[in-house]
Structures are given as structure tokens and as C-alpha cells.
Amino acid sequence: MAKLLGPDFISLQVRNLSASRAFYTEVLGLTEDTSFSAPNTVLFDSTTIPFALSEAKVNLDEAPHPGWGVALWIDCDNVNELHAKMEAAGATIIQQPYDGPFGRTFVF
């Protein structure tokens, strides 16, 4: 019987690929995987699960609540430093850093 191993790839559909690419590279510090090439898609060099952005394949403005019910946890070796960098860049911080069941966490 086939055994499900867990998530293997995560790709977020975004309204503005250029702005999203800039946020994930310049603010979050991810590096693009330049060995990957697909139209309207950016793949990042991530060490746990492959992570990508792509232009939306549906009209996100017509979705009543895009993203509701989805949580994306991003691993980081220095949560406080990333939080400060994101705050300085003007990112909306919903919850300040705290120690949670999965380690140091904040919500943006």
C-alpha cells in the first residue's frame, strides 16, 4: 500500500510576481534557484521543502477570502533578527515574537 510521506512542494499563487519575488528575496532573504526555469514562476533554494511563487492562475480578486485557513510556517535560524528586518521593511506584524510549541515564532 502506498504511504503518504507528507508535503513535497509548496507554491503560492500571487497577484504581483515581481513584488512578491522582491519581498521573499530582499526582506526574507531567500535565494532564487537559478537552475530552475518555468514561465511566470520563481523557485527558491530552500533546504526543507521546495518553495515557489507563481502568477495567479485564477482571479484572486474574485476569491471571497484568499488564503483563509492556510498557515505557512517558514524556518529561520534567528527569528528575532528576521522580525526586526521585516518590521523595518514595513511588513505588517500580526503577533510579536514569542516562544511557542514549535520554537520561537511570530506572525506576519
PDB file of N, CA and C in Angstrom:
ATOM      1  N   MET A   1       0.838  -1.177   0.000  1.00  0.00           N
ATOM      2  CA  MET A   1       0.000   0.000   0.000  1.00  0.00           C
ATOM      3  C   MET A   1       0.888   1.247   0.000  1.00  0.00           C
ATOM      4  N   ALA A   2       0.504   2.232  -0.787  1.00  0.00           N
ATOM      5  CA  ALA A   2       1.267   3.477  -0.867  1.00  0.00           C
ATOM      6  C   ALA A   2       1.198   4.222   0.459  1.00  0.00           C
ATOM      7  N   LYS A   3       2.335   4.760   0.873  1.00  0.00           N
ATOM      8  CA  LYS A   3       2.403   5.515   2.126  1.00  0.00           C
ATOM      9  C   LYS A   3       2.644   6.987   1.803  1.00  0.00           C
ATOM     10  N   LEU A   4       1.747   7.832   2.244  1.00  0.00           N
ATOM     11  CA  LEU A   4       1.909   9.268   2.062  1.00  0.00           C
ATOM     12  C   LEU A   4       3.032   9.754   2.968  1.00  0.00           C
ATOM     13  N   LEU A   5       3.996  10.480   2.406  1.00  0.00           N
ATOM     14  CA  LEU A   5       5.164  10.922   3.162  1.00  0.00           C
ATOM     15  C   LEU A   5       5.043  12.347   3.678  1.00  0.00           C
ATOM     16  N   GLY A   6       4.125  13.118   3.171  1.00  0.00           N
ATOM     17  CA  GLY A   6       3.953  14.497   3.619  1.00  0.00           C
ATOM     18  C   GLY A   6       4.142  15.473   2.481  1.00  0.00           C
ATOM     19  N   PRO A   7       4.051  16.759   2.773  1.00  0.00           N
ATOM     20  CA  PRO A   7       4.194  17.771   1.723  1.00  0.00           C
ATOM     21  C   PRO A   7       5.534  17.641   1.008  1.00  0.00           C
ATOM     22  N   ASP A   8       5.503  17.835  -0.303  1.00  0.00           N
ATOM     23  CA  ASP A   8       6.695  17.672  -1.126  1.00  0.00           C
ATOM     24  C   ASP A   8       7.061  18.953  -1.872  1.00  0.00           C
ATOM     25  N   PHE A   9       6.107  19.855  -2.022  1.00  0.00           N
ATOM     26  CA  PHE A   9       6.353  21.080  -2.781  1.00  0.00           C
ATOM     27  C   PHE A   9       5.289  22.095  -2.390  1.00  0.00           C
ATOM     28  N   ILE A  10       5.667  23.333  -2.179  1.00  0.00           N
ATOM     29  CA  ILE A  10       4.713  24.396  -1.870  1.00  0.00           C
ATOM     30  C   ILE A  10       4.905  25.515  -2.885  1.00  0.00           C
ATOM     31  N   SER A  11       3.809  25.937  -3.499  1.00  0.00           N
ATOM     32  CA  SER A  11       3.848  27.059  -4.431  1.00  0.00           C
ATOM     33  C   SER A  11       2.678  27.986  -4.126  1.00  0.00           C
ATOM     34  N   LEU A  12       2.971  29.248  -3.939  1.00  0.00           N
ATOM     35  CA  LEU A  12       1.934  30.245  -3.684  1.00  0.00           C
ATOM     36  C   LEU A  12       1.629  31.005  -4.965  1.00  0.00           C
ATOM     37  N   GLN A  13       0.354  31.138  -5.288  1.00  0.00           N
ATOM     38  CA  GLN A  13      -0.053  31.965  -6.418  1.00  0.00           C
ATOM     39  C   GLN A  13      -0.197  33.398  -5.911  1.00  0.00           C
ATOM     40  N   VAL A  14       0.416  34.325  -6.614  1.00  0.00           N
ATOM     41  CA  VAL A  14       0.456  35.716  -6.147  1.00  0.00           C
ATOM     42  C   VAL A  14      -0.072  36.669  -7.214  1.00  0.00           C
ATOM     43  N   ARG A  15      -0.553  37.823  -6.779  1.00  0.00           N
ATOM     44  CA  ARG A  15      -1.068  38.842  -7.702  1.00  0.00           C
ATOM     45  C   ARG A  15       0.064  39.531  -8.468  1.00  0.00           C
ATOM     46  N   ASN A  16       1.173  39.777  -7.781  1.00  0.00           N
ATOM     47  CA  ASN A  16       2.267  40.535  -8.377  1.00  0.00           C
ATOM     48  C   ASN A  16       3.563  39.763  -8.148  1.00  0.00           C
ATOM     49  N   LEU A  17       3.976  39.011  -9.163  1.00  0.00           N
ATOM     50  CA  LEU A  17       5.148  38.146  -9.030  1.00  0.00           C
ATOM     51  C   LEU A  17       6.414  38.950  -8.750  1.00  0.00           C
ATOM     52  N   SER A  18       6.568  40.075  -9.404  1.00  0.00           N
ATOM     53  CA  SER A  18       7.770  40.890  -9.213  1.00  0.00           C
ATOM     54  C   SER A  18       7.870  41.412  -7.777  1.00  0.00           C
ATOM     55  N   ALA A  19       6.778  41.951  -7.249  1.00  0.00           N
ATOM     56  CA  ALA A  19       6.780  42.462  -5.871  1.00  0.00           C
ATOM     57  C   ALA A  19       6.955  41.330  -4.868  1.00  0.00           C
ATOM     58  N   SER A  20       6.329  40.194  -5.130  1.00  0.00           N
ATOM     59  CA  SER A  20       6.452  39.047  -4.225  1.00  0.00           C
ATOM     60  C   SER A  20       7.870  38.497  -4.239  1.00  0.00           C
ATOM     61  N   ARG A  21       8.467  38.417  -5.426  1.00  0.00           N
ATOM     62  CA  ARG A  21       9.859  37.975  -5.537  1.00  0.00           C
ATOM     63  C   ARG A  21      10.757  38.894  -4.710  1.00  0.00           C
ATOM     64  N   ALA A  22      10.564  40.191  -4.830  1.00  0.00           N
ATOM     65  CA  ALA A  22      11.376  41.154  -4.077  1.00  0.00           C
ATOM     66  C   ALA A  22      11.197  40.960  -2.575  1.00  0.00           C
ATOM     67  N   PHE A  23       9.966  40.756  -2.113  1.00  0.00           N
ATOM     68  CA  PHE A  23       9.718  40.555  -0.685  1.00  0.00           C
ATOM     69  C   PHE A  23      10.435  39.304  -0.181  1.00  0.00           C
ATOM     70  N   TYR A  24      10.286  38.194  -0.893  1.00  0.00           N
ATOM     71  CA  TYR A  24      10.875  36.940  -0.421  1.00  0.00           C
ATOM     72  C   TYR A  24      12.400  36.930  -0.522  1.00  0.00           C
ATOM     73  N   THR A  25      12.970  37.663  -1.476  1.00  0.00           N
ATOM     74  CA  THR A  25      14.432  37.693  -1.586  1.00  0.00           C
ATOM     75  C   THR A  25      15.042  38.813  -0.745  1.00  0.00           C
ATOM     76  N   GLU A  26      14.517  40.026  -0.865  1.00  0.00           N
ATOM     77  CA  GLU A  26      15.135  41.179  -0.203  1.00  0.00           C
ATOM     78  C   GLU A  26      14.783  41.293   1.275  1.00  0.00           C
ATOM     79  N   VAL A  27      13.556  40.958   1.641  1.00  0.00           N
ATOM     80  CA  VAL A  27      13.146  41.086   3.041  1.00  0.00           C
ATOM     81  C   VAL A  27      13.374  39.780   3.790  1.00  0.00           C
ATOM     82  N   LEU A  28      12.875  38.670   3.243  1.00  0.00           N
ATOM     83  CA  LEU A  28      13.038  37.391   3.937  1.00  0.00           C
ATOM     84  C   LEU A  28      14.415  36.767   3.718  1.00  0.00           C
ATOM     85  N   GLY A  29      15.094  37.137   2.643  1.00  0.00           N
ATOM     86  CA  GLY A  29      16.451  36.643   2.419  1.00  0.00           C
ATOM     87  C   GLY A  29      16.560  35.319   1.685  1.00  0.00           C
ATOM     88  N   LEU A  30      15.467  34.859   1.056  1.00  0.00           N
ATOM     89  CA  LEU A  30      15.560  33.624   0.278  1.00  0.00           C
ATOM     90  C   LEU A  30      16.363  33.872  -0.991  1.00  0.00           C
ATOM     91  N   THR A  31      16.978  32.814  -1.508  1.00  0.00           N
ATOM     92  CA  THR A  31      17.764  32.882  -2.728  1.00  0.00           C
ATOM     93  C   THR A  31      17.030  32.123  -3.824  1.00  0.00           C
ATOM     94  N   GLU A  32      16.976  32.712  -5.009  1.00  0.00           N
ATOM     95  CA  GLU A  32      16.331  32.021  -6.123  1.00  0.00           C
ATOM     96  C   GLU A  32      17.183  30.848  -6.584  1.00  0.00           C
ATOM     97  N   ASP A  33      16.528  29.767  -6.976  1.00  0.00           N
ATOM     98  CA  ASP A  33      17.201  28.611  -7.562  1.00  0.00           C
ATOM     99  C   ASP A  33      17.300  28.877  -9.059  1.00  0.00           C
ATOM    100  N   THR A  34      18.460  29.315  -9.512  1.00  0.00           N
ATOM    101  CA  THR A  34      18.631  29.707 -10.908  1.00  0.00           C
ATOM    102  C   THR A  34      18.718  28.520 -11.859  1.00  0.00           C
ATOM    103  N   SER A  35      18.804  27.302 -11.329  1.00  0.00           N
ATOM    104  CA  SER A  35      18.832  26.131 -12.207  1.00  0.00           C
ATOM    105  C   SER A  35      17.424  25.764 -12.679  1.00  0.00           C
ATOM    106  N   PHE A  36      16.405  26.389 -12.102  1.00  0.00           N
ATOM    107  CA  PHE A  36      15.009  26.107 -12.440  1.00  0.00           C
ATOM    108  C   PHE A  36      14.486  27.184 -13.370  1.00  0.00           C
ATOM    109  N   SER A  37      13.759  26.768 -14.387  1.00  0.00           N
ATOM    110  CA  SER A  37      13.189  27.736 -15.311  1.00  0.00           C
ATOM    111  C   SER A  37      11.796  27.287 -15.726  1.00  0.00           C
ATOM    112  N   ALA A  38      10.817  28.104 -15.419  1.00  0.00           N
ATOM    113  CA  ALA A  38       9.443  27.875 -15.855  1.00  0.00           C
ATOM    114  C   ALA A  38       8.793  29.244 -16.007  1.00  0.00           C
ATOM    115  N   PRO A  39       7.912  29.387 -16.977  1.00  0.00           N
ATOM    116  CA  PRO A  39       7.286  30.691 -17.185  1.00  0.00           C
ATOM    117  C   PRO A  39       6.510  31.171 -15.958  1.00  0.00           C
ATOM    118  N   ASN A  40       6.662  32.456 -15.642  1.00  0.00           N
ATOM    119  CA  ASN A  40       5.881  33.108 -14.584  1.00  0.00           C
ATOM    120  C   ASN A  40       6.006  32.435 -13.224  1.00  0.00           C
ATOM    121  N   THR A  41       7.174  31.869 -12.944  1.00  0.00           N
ATOM    122  CA  THR A  41       7.398  31.141 -11.692  1.00  0.00           C
ATOM    123  C   THR A  41       8.787  31.455 -11.152  1.00  0.00           C
ATOM    124  N   VAL A  42       8.893  31.550  -9.843  1.00  0.00           N
ATOM    125  CA  VAL A  42      10.176  31.715  -9.163  1.00  0.00           C
ATOM    126  C   VAL A  42      10.304  30.567  -8.172  1.00  0.00           C
ATOM    127  N   LEU A  43      11.381  29.807  -8.261  1.00  0.00           N
ATOM    128  CA  LEU A  43      11.655  28.740  -7.298  1.00  0.00           C
ATOM    129  C   LEU A  43      12.788  29.218  -6.402  1.00  0.00           C
ATOM    130  N   PHE A  44      12.633  28.973  -5.112  1.00  0.00           N
ATOM    131  CA  PHE A  44      13.657  29.381  -4.160  1.00  0.00           C
ATOM    132  C   PHE A  44      14.493  28.186  -3.742  1.00  0.00           C
ATOM    133  N   ASP A  45      15.745  28.453  -3.413  1.00  0.00           N
ATOM    134  CA  ASP A  45      16.656  27.428  -2.922  1.00  0.00           C
ATOM    135  C   ASP A  45      16.383  27.258  -1.430  1.00  0.00           C
ATOM    136  N   SER A  46      15.509  26.315  -1.099  1.00  0.00           N
ATOM    137  CA  SER A  46      15.153  26.073   0.300  1.00  0.00           C
ATOM    138  C   SER A  46      15.598  24.670   0.689  1.00  0.00           C
ATOM    139  N   THR A  47      15.911  24.491   1.962  1.00  0.00           N
ATOM    140  CA  THR A  47      16.531  23.233   2.383  1.00  0.00           C
ATOM    141  C   THR A  47      15.556  22.186   2.891  1.00  0.00           C
ATOM    142  N   THR A  48      14.313  22.548   3.122  1.00  0.00           N
ATOM    143  CA  THR A  48      13.384  21.559   3.661  1.00  0.00           C
ATOM    144  C   THR A  48      12.407  21.079   2.596  1.00  0.00           C
ATOM    145  N   ILE A  49      11.548  21.938   2.138  1.00  0.00           N
ATOM    146  CA  ILE A  49      10.574  21.611   1.095  1.00  0.00           C
ATOM    147  C   ILE A  49      10.745  22.637  -0.017  1.00  0.00           C
ATOM    148  N   PRO A  50      10.775  22.203  -1.291  1.00  0.00           N
ATOM    149  CA  PRO A  50      10.849  23.190  -2.365  1.00  0.00           C
ATOM    150  C   PRO A  50       9.711  24.201  -2.243  1.00  0.00           C
ATOM    151  N   PHE A  51      10.036  25.471  -2.465  1.00  0.00           N
ATOM    152  CA  PHE A  51       9.079  26.558  -2.284  1.00  0.00           C
ATOM    153  C   PHE A  51       9.140  27.476  -3.487  1.00  0.00           C
ATOM    154  N   ALA A  52       7.973  27.827  -4.037  1.00  0.00           N
ATOM    155  CA  ALA A  52       7.928  28.656  -5.239  1.00  0.00           C
ATOM    156  C   ALA A  52       6.797  29.667  -5.166  1.00  0.00           C
ATOM    157  N   LEU A  53       6.892  30.666  -6.033  1.00  0.00           N
ATOM    158  CA  LEU A  53       5.819  31.621  -6.271  1.00  0.00           C
ATOM    159  C   LEU A  53       5.462  31.526  -7.738  1.00  0.00           C
ATOM    160  N   SER A  54       4.201  31.720  -8.062  1.00  0.00           N
ATOM    161  CA  SER A  54       3.805  31.770  -9.467  1.00  0.00           C
ATOM    162  C   SER A  54       2.711  32.806  -9.633  1.00  0.00           C
ATOM    163  N   GLU A  55       2.585  33.303 -10.865  1.00  0.00           N
ATOM    164  CA  GLU A  55       1.486  34.208 -11.136  1.00  0.00           C
ATOM    165  C   GLU A  55       0.187  33.458 -10.887  1.00  0.00           C
ATOM    166  N   ALA A  56      -0.803  34.158 -10.386  1.00  0.00           N
ATOM    167  CA  ALA A  56      -2.089  33.532 -10.080  1.00  0.00           C
ATOM    168  C   ALA A  56      -2.691  32.906 -11.333  1.00  0.00           C
ATOM    169  N   LYS A  57      -3.230  31.724 -11.165  1.00  0.00           N
ATOM    170  CA  LYS A  57      -3.858  31.010 -12.270  1.00  0.00           C
ATOM    171  C   LYS A  57      -5.375  31.198 -12.254  1.00  0.00           C
ATOM    172  N   VAL A  58      -5.853  31.904 -11.247  1.00  0.00           N
ATOM    173  CA  VAL A  58      -7.261  32.282 -11.132  1.00  0.00           C
ATOM    174  C   VAL A  58      -7.297  33.762 -10.763  1.00  0.00           C
ATOM    175  N   ASN A  59      -8.441  34.382 -10.879  1.00  0.00           N
ATOM    176  CA  ASN A  59      -8.576  35.784 -10.500  1.00  0.00           C
ATOM    177  C   ASN A  59      -8.713  35.863  -8.981  1.00  0.00           C
ATOM    178  N   LEU A  60      -7.636  36.224  -8.299  1.00  0.00           N
ATOM    179  CA  LEU A  60      -7.656  36.274  -6.841  1.00  0.00           C
ATOM    180  C   LEU A  60      -8.612  37.337  -6.309  1.00  0.00           C
ATOM    181  N   ASP A  61      -8.902  38.355  -7.118  1.00  0.00           N
ATOM    182  CA  ASP A  61      -9.842  39.386  -6.680  1.00  0.00           C
ATOM    183  C   ASP A  61     -11.271  38.851  -6.594  1.00  0.00           C
ATOM    184  N   GLU A  62     -11.544  37.749  -7.292  1.00  0.00           N
ATOM    185  CA  GLU A  62     -12.879  37.148  -7.242  1.00  0.00           C
ATOM    186  C   GLU A  62     -12.999  36.094  -6.149  1.00  0.00           C
ATOM    187  N   ALA A  63     -11.884  35.728  -5.535  1.00  0.00           N
ATOM    188  CA  ALA A  63     -11.925  34.758  -4.433  1.00  0.00           C
ATOM    189  C   ALA A  63     -12.424  35.490  -3.193  1.00  0.00           C
ATOM    190  N   PRO A  64     -13.480  34.979  -2.528  1.00  0.00           N
ATOM    191  CA  PRO A  64     -14.047  35.717  -1.403  1.00  0.00           C
ATOM    192  C   PRO A  64     -13.066  35.929  -0.245  1.00  0.00           C
ATOM    193  N   HIS A  65     -12.222  34.966   0.037  1.00  0.00           N
ATOM    194  CA  HIS A  65     -11.285  35.073   1.160  1.00  0.00           C
ATOM    195  C   HIS A  65      -9.984  34.346   0.811  1.00  0.00           C
ATOM    196  N   PRO A  66      -9.189  34.880  -0.111  1.00  0.00           N
ATOM    197  CA  PRO A  66      -7.966  34.159  -0.488  1.00  0.00           C
ATOM    198  C   PRO A  66      -7.037  33.962   0.705  1.00  0.00           C
ATOM    199  N   GLY A  67      -6.560  32.753   0.857  1.00  0.00           N
ATOM    200  CA  GLY A  67      -5.606  32.448   1.918  1.00  0.00           C
ATOM    201  C   GLY A  67      -6.211  32.060   3.250  1.00  0.00           C
ATOM    202  N   TRP A  68      -7.505  32.271   3.443  1.00  0.00           N
ATOM    203  CA  TRP A  68      -8.118  31.905   4.725  1.00  0.00           C
ATOM    204  C   TRP A  68      -7.958  30.415   4.957  1.00  0.00           C
ATOM    205  N   GLY A  69      -7.587  30.048   6.154  1.00  0.00           N
ATOM    206  CA  GLY A  69      -7.461  28.642   6.510  1.00  0.00           C
ATOM    207  C   GLY A  69      -6.114  28.037   6.169  1.00  0.00           C
ATOM    208  N   VAL A  70      -5.199  28.838   5.655  1.00  0.00           N
ATOM    209  CA  VAL A  70      -3.873  28.334   5.292  1.00  0.00           C
ATOM    210  C   VAL A  70      -2.831  29.034   6.159  1.00  0.00           C
ATOM    211  N   ALA A  71      -1.931  28.256   6.739  1.00  0.00           N
ATOM    212  CA  ALA A  71      -0.813  28.819   7.505  1.00  0.00           C
ATOM    213  C   ALA A  71       0.482  28.302   6.894  1.00  0.00           C
ATOM    214  N   LEU A  72       1.392  29.180   6.610  1.00  0.00           N
ATOM    215  CA  LEU A  72       2.691  28.808   6.056  1.00  0.00           C
ATOM    216  C   LEU A  72       3.744  29.142   7.098  1.00  0.00           C
ATOM    217  N   TRP A  73       4.424  28.132   7.598  1.00  0.00           N
ATOM    218  CA  TRP A  73       5.482  28.318   8.592  1.00  0.00           C
ATOM    219  C   TRP A  73       6.815  28.284   7.861  1.00  0.00           C
ATOM    220  N   ILE A  74       7.639  29.300   8.091  1.00  0.00           N
ATOM    221  CA  ILE A  74       8.942  29.399   7.438  1.00  0.00           C
ATOM    222  C   ILE A  74      10.018  29.238   8.503  1.00  0.00           C
ATOM    223  N   ASP A  75      10.946  28.320   8.274  1.00  0.00           N
ATOM    224  CA  ASP A  75      12.024  28.057   9.225  1.00  0.00           C
ATOM    225  C   ASP A  75      13.084  29.150   9.124  1.00  0.00           C
ATOM    226  N   CYS A  76      13.633  29.546  10.253  1.00  0.00           N
ATOM    227  CA  CYS A  76      14.632  30.613  10.297  1.00  0.00           C
ATOM    228  C   CYS A  76      15.575  30.362  11.468  1.00  0.00           C
ATOM    229  N   ASP A  77      16.859  30.657  11.288  1.00  0.00           N
ATOM    230  CA  ASP A  77      17.822  30.417  12.369  1.00  0.00           C
ATOM    231  C   ASP A  77      17.888  31.563  13.383  1.00  0.00           C
ATOM    232  N   ASN A  78      17.280  32.722  13.080  1.00  0.00           N
ATOM    233  CA  ASN A  78      17.270  33.838  14.025  1.00  0.00           C
ATOM    234  C   ASN A  78      15.959  34.614  13.860  1.00  0.00           C
ATOM    235  N   VAL A  79      14.938  34.165  14.555  1.00  0.00           N
ATOM    236  CA  VAL A  79      13.600  34.738  14.425  1.00  0.00           C
ATOM    237  C   VAL A  79      13.577  36.214  14.798  1.00  0.00           C
ATOM    238  N   ASN A  80      14.240  36.590  15.876  1.00  0.00           N
ATOM    239  CA  ASN A  80      14.227  37.994  16.303  1.00  0.00           C
ATOM    240  C   ASN A  80      14.851  38.906  15.254  1.00  0.00           C
ATOM    241  N   GLU A  81      15.931  38.467  14.640  1.00  0.00           N
ATOM    242  CA  GLU A  81      16.587  39.268  13.602  1.00  0.00           C
ATOM    243  C   GLU A  81      15.678  39.414  12.379  1.00  0.00           C
ATOM    244  N   LEU A  82      15.045  38.305  11.955  1.00  0.00           N
ATOM    245  CA  LEU A  82      14.135  38.366  10.813  1.00  0.00           C
ATOM    246  C   LEU A  82      12.947  39.273  11.128  1.00  0.00           C
ATOM    247  N   HIS A  83      12.413  39.156  12.322  1.00  0.00           N
ATOM    248  CA  HIS A  83      11.297  40.011  12.739  1.00  0.00           C
ATOM    249  C   HIS A  83      11.682  41.487  12.630  1.00  0.00           C
ATOM    250  N   ALA A  84      12.841  41.855  13.153  1.00  0.00           N
ATOM    251  CA  ALA A  84      13.297  43.247  13.107  1.00  0.00           C
ATOM    252  C   ALA A  84      13.469  43.719  11.664  1.00  0.00           C
ATOM    253  N   LYS A  85      14.016  42.862  10.808  1.00  0.00           N
ATOM    254  CA  LYS A  85      14.223  43.215   9.404  1.00  0.00           C
ATOM    255  C   LYS A  85      12.881  43.434   8.704  1.00  0.00           C
ATOM    256  N   MET A  86      11.914  42.552   8.976  1.00  0.00           N
ATOM    257  CA  MET A  86      10.604  42.681   8.349  1.00  0.00           C
ATOM    258  C   MET A  86       9.872  43.923   8.850  1.00  0.00           C
ATOM    259  N   GLU A  87       9.977  44.188  10.135  1.00  0.00           N
ATOM    260  CA  GLU A  87       9.334  45.373  10.712  1.00  0.00           C
ATOM    261  C   GLU A  87       9.927  46.645  10.096  1.00  0.00           C
ATOM    262  N   ALA A  88      11.255  46.675   9.950  1.00  0.00           N
ATOM    263  CA  ALA A  88      11.923  47.831   9.353  1.00  0.00           C
ATOM    264  C   ALA A  88      11.523  48.024   7.891  1.00  0.00           C
ATOM    265  N   ALA A  89      11.199  46.917   7.210  1.00  0.00           N
ATOM    266  CA  ALA A  89      10.797  46.987   5.804  1.00  0.00           C
ATOM    267  C   ALA A  89       9.320  47.353   5.648  1.00  0.00           C
ATOM    268  N   GLY A  90       8.611  47.483   6.768  1.00  0.00           N
ATOM    269  CA  GLY A  90       7.213  47.889   6.702  1.00  0.00           C
ATOM    270  C   GLY A  90       6.213  46.752   6.634  1.00  0.00           C
ATOM    271  N   ALA A  91       6.666  45.519   6.856  1.00  0.00           N
ATOM    272  CA  ALA A  91       5.738  44.378   6.843  1.00  0.00           C
ATOM    273  C   ALA A  91       4.762  44.500   8.009  1.00  0.00           C
ATOM    274  N   THR A  92       3.541  44.054   7.796  1.00  0.00           N
ATOM    275  CA  THR A  92       2.540  44.064   8.858  1.00  0.00           C
ATOM    276  C   THR A  92       2.805  42.892   9.793  1.00  0.00           C
ATOM    277  N   ILE A  93       3.117  43.178  11.034  1.00  0.00           N
ATOM    278  CA  ILE A  93       3.359  42.143  12.041  1.00  0.00           C
ATOM    279  C   ILE A  93       2.062  41.970  12.830  1.00  0.00           C
ATOM    280  N   ILE A  94       1.507  40.774  12.797  1.00  0.00           N
ATOM    281  CA  ILE A  94       0.247  40.494  13.481  1.00  0.00           C
ATOM    282  C   ILE A  94       0.490  40.088  14.923  1.00  0.00           C
ATOM    283  N   GLN A  95       1.557  39.322  15.158  1.00  0.00           N
ATOM    284  CA  GLN A  95       1.891  38.900  16.523  1.00  0.00           C
ATOM    285  C   GLN A  95       3.401  38.981  16.701  1.00  0.00           C
ATOM    286  N   GLN A  96       3.832  39.656  17.744  1.00  0.00           N
ATOM    287  CA  GLN A  96       5.256  39.825  18.047  1.00  0.00           C
ATOM    288  C   GLN A  96       5.887  38.464  18.377  1.00  0.00           C
ATOM    289  N   PRO A  97       7.224  38.348  18.299  1.00  0.00           N
ATOM    290  CA  PRO A  97       7.878  37.072  18.600  1.00  0.00           C
ATOM    291  C   PRO A  97       7.525  36.538  19.989  1.00  0.00           C
ATOM    292  N   TYR A  98       7.329  35.233  20.044  1.00  0.00           N
ATOM    293  CA  TYR A  98       7.022  34.543  21.303  1.00  0.00           C
ATOM    294  C   TYR A  98       7.564  33.123  21.210  1.00  0.00           C
ATOM    295  N   ASP A  99       7.726  32.477  22.349  1.00  0.00           N
ATOM    296  CA  ASP A  99       8.168  31.087  22.381  1.00  0.00           C
ATOM    297  C   ASP A  99       6.933  30.196  22.366  1.00  0.00           C
ATOM    298  N   GLY A 100       6.768  29.445  21.288  1.00  0.00           N
ATOM    299  CA  GLY A 100       5.608  28.579  21.112  1.00  0.00           C
ATOM    300  C   GLY A 100       6.005  27.117  21.086  1.00  0.00           C
ATOM    301  N   PRO A 101       5.046  26.238  20.797  1.00  0.00           N
ATOM    302  CA  PRO A 101       5.317  24.801  20.812  1.00  0.00           C
ATOM    303  C   PRO A 101       6.320  24.351  19.744  1.00  0.00           C
ATOM    304  N   PHE A 102       6.516  25.169  18.698  1.00  0.00           N
ATOM    305  CA  PHE A 102       7.461  24.813  17.639  1.00  0.00           C
ATOM    306  C   PHE A 102       8.700  25.697  17.676  1.00  0.00           C
ATOM    307  N   GLY A 103       8.926  26.373  18.802  1.00  0.00           N
ATOM    308  CA  GLY A 103      10.083  27.247  18.936  1.00  0.00           C
ATOM    309  C   GLY A 103       9.690  28.709  18.825  1.00  0.00           C
ATOM    310  N   ARG A 104      10.684  29.549  18.612  1.00  0.00           N
ATOM    311  CA  ARG A 104      10.464  30.998  18.524  1.00  0.00           C
ATOM    312  C   ARG A 104       9.634  31.292  17.279  1.00  0.00           C
ATOM    313  N   THR A 105       8.591  32.088  17.429  1.00  0.00           N
ATOM    314  CA  THR A 105       7.612  32.295  16.369  1.00  0.00           C
ATOM    315  C   THR A 105       7.122  33.734  16.362  1.00  0.00           C
ATOM    316  N   PHE A 106       6.757  34.245  15.190  1.00  0.00           N
ATOM    317  CA  PHE A 106       5.962  35.468  15.087  1.00  0.00           C
ATOM    318  C   PHE A 106       5.069  35.338  13.863  1.00  0.00           C
ATOM    319  N   VAL A 107       4.052  36.173  13.796  1.00  0.00           N
ATOM    320  CA  VAL A 107       3.067  36.066  12.719  1.00  0.00           C
ATOM    321  C   VAL A 107       3.049  37.370  11.936  1.00  0.00           C
ATOM    322  N   PHE A 108       3.120  37.232  10.611  1.00  0.00           N
ATOM    323  CA  PHE A 108       3.036  38.413   9.743  1.00  0.00           C
ATOM    324  C   PHE A 108       2.058  38.162   8.635  1.00  0.00           C
TER     325      PHE A 108
END
